[in-house]
Amino acid sequence: MKTSTRGSAPSIAKEIRLSLIELKQIAQVKFPTRWTDFHLLAFEGTYTSPDNKEKCVQTALALIAGNLYRDAPVVRIHSQCATGDVFHSLRCDCHDQLHLALRTIAELGTGILLYEHQEGRGIGLMEKLKAYELHDQGLDTIEANLRLGHAIDHRDYQLPVDILCSLNIRRVRLMTNNPEKIRALTSSGIHIVERLNAEVPIDPHCEDYVTIKREKLGHLSTQPPASVIN
């Protein structure tokens, strides 16, 4: 088990108002998949609030393929989505984005997928399902979160950034449409040499969801929301 201590990524800690106490590598295993053979590393980060009164523990997985240091690797930060990733729900595009990232890394021969345990933009599975109930009543994803008393997006990306820093990765090709992920990396001193689109075909069941991400959350896109699977 490998351990890093406070100070791995000081600039991002200021950005999201958390301070790293300790970063542990819990396990490392061979991880063959349908796309390619990965090495899977499990990480646990312990953080404290600015007043040092609260501590939290976050966990994430890093699926690594190829030589990360020969050139800027593809990096995808993917938030856990049991409904999409496991059950293939069509209410979101998470499953397809996950597979796109794994396939792209395999095709290019090098990259890292950081799978962060922040279900439902950080509110957890049960609260996410409550939000789905409100979606069925006509509220969009932002309105539902606010109705339940949550922030629009509870996630932070400090743990993925700290993992990248612990692996000495400072130049990346980031696969994302989310400007918050771009800000998290650049504010930590990680140079994004290229942004790769994380766009996938849009199923009619999640067209409104994707549209809200673009129009209200500022997600980037090269295609209009109307590119729908018929």
Protein backbone atom coordinates (compact mmCIF):
# COMPACT_ATOMS: atom_id res chain seq x y z
CA MET A 1 0.00 0.00 0.00
CA LYS A 2 1.41 3.38 -1.04
CA THR A 3 0.72 6.58 0.87
CA SER A 4 1.05 10.24 -0.02
CA THR A 5 0.76 13.02 2.52
CA ARG A 6 -0.56 16.56 2.61
CA GLY A 7 0.65 18.78 -0.19
CA SER A 8 0.15 16.63 -3.31
CA ALA A 9 -1.95 19.28 -5.07
CA PRO A 10 -2.14 22.46 -2.99
CA SER A 11 -3.68 24.68 -5.65
CA ILE A 12 -6.70 22.47 -6.27
CA ALA A 13 -7.24 22.09 -2.51
CA LYS A 14 -7.74 25.85 -2.32
CA GLU A 15 -10.06 25.78 -5.32
CA ILE A 16 -12.51 23.31 -3.78
CA ARG A 17 -11.89 24.25 -0.12
CA LEU A 18 -10.64 20.85 1.02
CA SER A 19 -7.16 19.90 2.20
CA LEU A 20 -5.58 16.54 1.56
CA ILE A 21 -4.44 14.74 4.70
CA GLU A 22 -3.48 11.41 3.19
CA LEU A 23 -3.76 9.57 -0.11
CA LYS A 24 -3.48 5.79 0.05
CA GLN A 25 -3.15 3.30 -2.76
CA ILE A 26 -5.21 0.43 -1.38
CA ALA A 27 -4.70 -2.20 -4.07
CA GLN A 28 -3.31 -2.86 -7.55
CA VAL A 29 -4.57 -5.71 -9.72
CA LYS A 30 -4.47 -6.90 -13.32
CA PHE A 31 -7.81 -6.05 -14.93
CA PRO A 32 -8.55 -7.60 -18.33
CA THR A 33 -11.59 -6.19 -20.17
CA ARG A 34 -13.28 -6.63 -23.54
CA TRP A 35 -11.33 -3.62 -24.81
CA THR A 36 -7.83 -4.21 -23.48
CA ASP A 37 -5.88 -5.30 -20.41
CA PHE A 38 -5.81 -2.61 -17.75
CA HIS A 39 -4.08 -2.30 -14.41
CA LEU A 40 -6.61 -1.27 -11.77
CA LEU A 41 -5.44 0.82 -8.83
CA ALA A 42 -7.74 1.55 -5.88
CA PHE A 43 -7.25 4.81 -3.98
CA GLU A 44 -8.57 6.30 -0.76
CA GLY A 45 -8.16 9.98 0.05
CA THR A 46 -8.73 11.57 3.45
CA TYR A 47 -9.58 15.27 3.44
CA THR A 48 -10.36 17.97 5.96
CA SER A 49 -12.42 21.16 5.77
CA PRO A 50 -10.66 24.55 6.05
CA ASP A 51 -11.54 24.84 9.75
CA ASN A 52 -10.22 21.30 10.38
CA LYS A 53 -13.50 20.36 12.07
CA GLU A 54 -14.68 17.80 9.54
CA LYS A 55 -12.94 14.95 7.79
CA CYS A 56 -14.18 12.96 4.84
CA VAL A 57 -12.91 9.90 3.02
CA GLN A 58 -13.29 9.58 -0.74
CA THR A 59 -12.52 6.57 -2.92
CA ALA A 60 -11.80 6.14 -6.60
CA LEU A 61 -10.48 3.57 -9.05
CA ALA A 62 -7.84 4.19 -11.71
CA LEU A 63 -7.89 1.94 -14.78
CA ILE A 64 -4.53 2.36 -16.49
CA ALA A 65 -3.45 1.15 -19.92
CA GLY A 66 -0.12 1.56 -21.68
CA ASN A 67 2.78 3.85 -20.88
CA LEU A 68 1.41 7.00 -19.26
CA TYR A 69 4.72 8.86 -19.58
CA ARG A 70 5.63 8.43 -23.24
CA ASP A 71 3.15 11.12 -24.28
CA ALA A 72 0.18 12.94 -22.78
CA PRO A 73 -2.28 10.12 -21.93
CA VAL A 74 -6.01 10.17 -22.48
CA VAL A 75 -7.71 10.88 -19.13
CA ARG A 76 -11.39 10.43 -18.38
CA ILE A 77 -12.90 11.31 -14.98
CA HIS A 78 -16.10 9.30 -14.71
CA SER A 79 -18.53 9.63 -11.82
CA GLN A 80 -20.12 6.40 -10.64
CA CYS A 81 -23.59 5.77 -12.07
CA ALA A 82 -25.13 2.48 -10.96
CA THR A 83 -28.31 3.08 -12.95
CA GLY A 84 -26.44 3.74 -16.18
CA ASP A 85 -23.15 1.86 -15.83
CA VAL A 86 -24.64 -1.31 -14.30
CA PHE A 87 -28.28 -1.43 -15.40
CA HIS A 88 -27.85 0.41 -18.72
CA SER A 89 -30.56 2.96 -17.94
CA LEU A 90 -31.47 5.20 -20.87
CA ARG A 91 -32.24 8.14 -18.57
CA CYS A 92 -28.63 9.30 -18.88
CA ASP A 93 -25.65 8.95 -21.21
CA CYS A 94 -23.23 7.69 -18.52
CA HIS A 95 -23.02 4.07 -19.71
CA ASP A 96 -22.21 5.07 -23.28
CA GLN A 97 -19.66 7.66 -22.15
CA LEU A 98 -17.94 5.07 -19.95
CA HIS A 99 -17.66 2.62 -22.83
CA LEU A 100 -16.50 5.37 -25.19
CA ALA A 101 -13.67 6.24 -22.82
CA LEU A 102 -12.54 2.65 -22.33
CA ARG A 103 -12.70 1.98 -26.07
CA THR A 104 -10.78 5.15 -26.91
CA ILE A 105 -8.04 4.38 -24.40
CA ALA A 106 -7.73 0.86 -25.83
CA GLU A 107 -7.57 2.11 -29.42
CA LEU A 108 -4.95 4.77 -28.67
CA GLY A 109 -2.96 2.39 -26.49
CA THR A 110 -2.48 4.61 -23.45
CA GLY A 111 -4.69 6.33 -20.93
CA ILE A 112 -6.30 6.33 -17.53
CA LEU A 113 -9.95 6.22 -16.53
CA LEU A 114 -10.60 7.60 -13.05
CA TYR A 115 -13.84 6.13 -11.68
CA GLU A 116 -14.92 8.33 -8.81
CA HIS A 117 -17.56 7.20 -6.32
CA GLN A 118 -19.86 10.23 -6.54
CA GLU A 119 -23.21 8.75 -7.58
CA GLY A 120 -25.86 11.17 -8.76
CA ARG A 121 -23.53 14.17 -8.94
CA GLY A 122 -22.55 13.43 -5.36
CA ILE A 123 -25.97 13.04 -3.69
CA GLY A 124 -25.96 9.23 -3.59
CA LEU A 125 -28.12 6.58 -5.21
CA MET A 126 -31.20 6.89 -2.99
CA GLU A 127 -31.40 10.67 -3.37
CA LYS A 128 -30.79 10.28 -7.08
CA LEU A 129 -33.81 7.99 -7.33
CA LYS A 130 -35.89 10.56 -5.44
CA ALA A 131 -34.77 13.07 -8.05
CA TYR A 132 -35.91 10.65 -10.76
CA GLU A 133 -39.37 10.69 -9.17
CA LEU A 134 -39.41 14.44 -9.56
CA HIS A 135 -38.20 14.12 -13.15
CA ASP A 136 -41.25 11.96 -13.81
CA GLN A 137 -43.38 14.81 -12.44
CA GLY A 138 -41.89 17.28 -14.90
CA LEU A 139 -38.90 18.79 -13.10
CA ASP A 140 -35.52 18.84 -14.80
CA THR A 141 -32.35 17.50 -13.19
CA ILE A 142 -31.38 20.86 -11.68
CA GLU A 143 -34.85 21.67 -10.37
CA ALA A 144 -35.12 18.21 -8.80
CA ASN A 145 -31.84 18.57 -6.91
CA LEU A 146 -32.86 21.97 -5.58
CA ARG A 147 -36.31 20.73 -4.57
CA LEU A 148 -34.63 17.98 -2.52
CA GLY A 149 -32.40 20.53 -0.79
CA HIS A 150 -29.22 19.64 -2.64
CA ALA A 151 -26.76 21.72 -4.57
CA ILE A 152 -26.98 21.54 -8.34
CA ASP A 153 -23.76 19.50 -8.32
CA HIS A 154 -22.18 18.20 -5.10
CA ARG A 155 -19.14 16.74 -6.80
CA ASP A 156 -15.56 17.86 -6.48
CA TYR A 157 -12.67 16.47 -8.45
CA GLN A 158 -9.88 16.77 -5.92
CA LEU A 159 -9.33 13.03 -5.52
CA PRO A 160 -8.85 12.41 -9.27
CA VAL A 161 -6.48 15.37 -9.40
CA ASP A 162 -4.53 14.10 -6.39
CA ILE A 163 -4.29 10.66 -8.02
CA LEU A 164 -2.92 12.17 -11.22
CA CYS A 165 -0.40 14.20 -9.23
CA SER A 166 0.65 11.13 -7.23
CA LEU A 167 1.29 9.35 -10.54
CA ASN A 168 3.31 12.37 -11.72
CA ILE A 169 0.97 13.02 -14.64
CA ARG A 170 1.09 16.71 -15.56
CA ARG A 171 0.07 16.68 -19.24
CA VAL A 172 -3.15 15.02 -20.39
CA ARG A 173 -5.62 14.68 -23.22
CA LEU A 174 -8.82 15.14 -21.25
CA MET A 175 -12.00 13.45 -22.46
CA THR A 176 -14.85 15.57 -21.15
CA ASN A 177 -17.66 17.94 -22.02
CA ASN A 178 -17.79 19.30 -18.46
CA PRO A 179 -16.07 22.68 -17.94
CA GLU A 180 -15.81 22.01 -14.18
CA LYS A 181 -13.47 19.09 -14.83
CA ILE A 182 -11.36 21.29 -17.07
CA ARG A 183 -11.14 23.93 -14.33
CA ALA A 184 -10.26 21.34 -11.68
CA LEU A 185 -7.26 20.10 -13.65
CA THR A 186 -5.96 23.42 -14.93
CA SER A 187 -6.20 25.04 -11.48
CA SER A 188 -4.01 22.23 -10.13
CA GLY A 189 -1.28 22.87 -12.68
CA ILE A 190 -2.14 19.93 -14.93
CA HIS A 191 -1.80 20.98 -18.57
CA ILE A 192 -4.59 19.89 -20.91
CA VAL A 193 -2.91 19.56 -24.28
CA GLU A 194 -6.16 18.51 -25.96
CA ARG A 195 -9.82 18.12 -25.05
CA LEU A 196 -11.49 15.03 -26.49
CA ASN A 197 -15.25 15.13 -26.89
CA ALA A 198 -17.23 12.73 -24.71
CA GLU A 199 -20.24 12.87 -27.00
CA VAL A 200 -22.32 9.78 -27.66
CA PRO A 201 -25.55 9.24 -29.64
CA ILE A 202 -28.47 10.62 -27.66
CA ASP A 203 -31.35 8.31 -26.88
CA PRO A 204 -34.82 9.95 -26.81
CA HIS A 205 -35.18 8.98 -23.13
CA CYS A 206 -32.30 11.26 -22.13
CA GLU A 207 -32.54 14.03 -24.71
CA ASP A 208 -33.93 16.51 -22.16
CA TYR A 209 -31.25 15.52 -19.63
CA VAL A 210 -28.45 16.15 -22.13
CA THR A 211 -30.03 19.41 -23.25
CA ILE A 212 -30.16 20.66 -19.64
CA LYS A 213 -26.48 19.81 -19.16
CA ARG A 214 -25.61 21.90 -22.18
CA GLU A 215 -27.97 24.83 -21.65
CA LYS A 216 -27.87 25.20 -17.84
CA LEU A 217 -24.56 23.62 -16.83
CA GLY A 218 -22.50 24.83 -19.78
CA HIS A 219 -21.43 21.41 -21.03
CA LEU A 220 -19.53 21.62 -24.29
CA SER A 221 -20.80 20.12 -27.52
CA THR A 222 -20.05 19.99 -31.22
CA GLN A 223 -23.48 18.72 -32.17
CA PRO A 224 -27.05 19.89 -31.53
CA PRO A 225 -29.19 18.05 -28.97
CA ALA A 226 -31.38 16.75 -31.79
CA SER A 227 -28.91 14.03 -32.84
CA VAL A 228 -31.19 11.31 -31.52
CA ILE A 229 -31.25 7.55 -32.00
CA ASN A 230 -34.36 6.67 -33.97
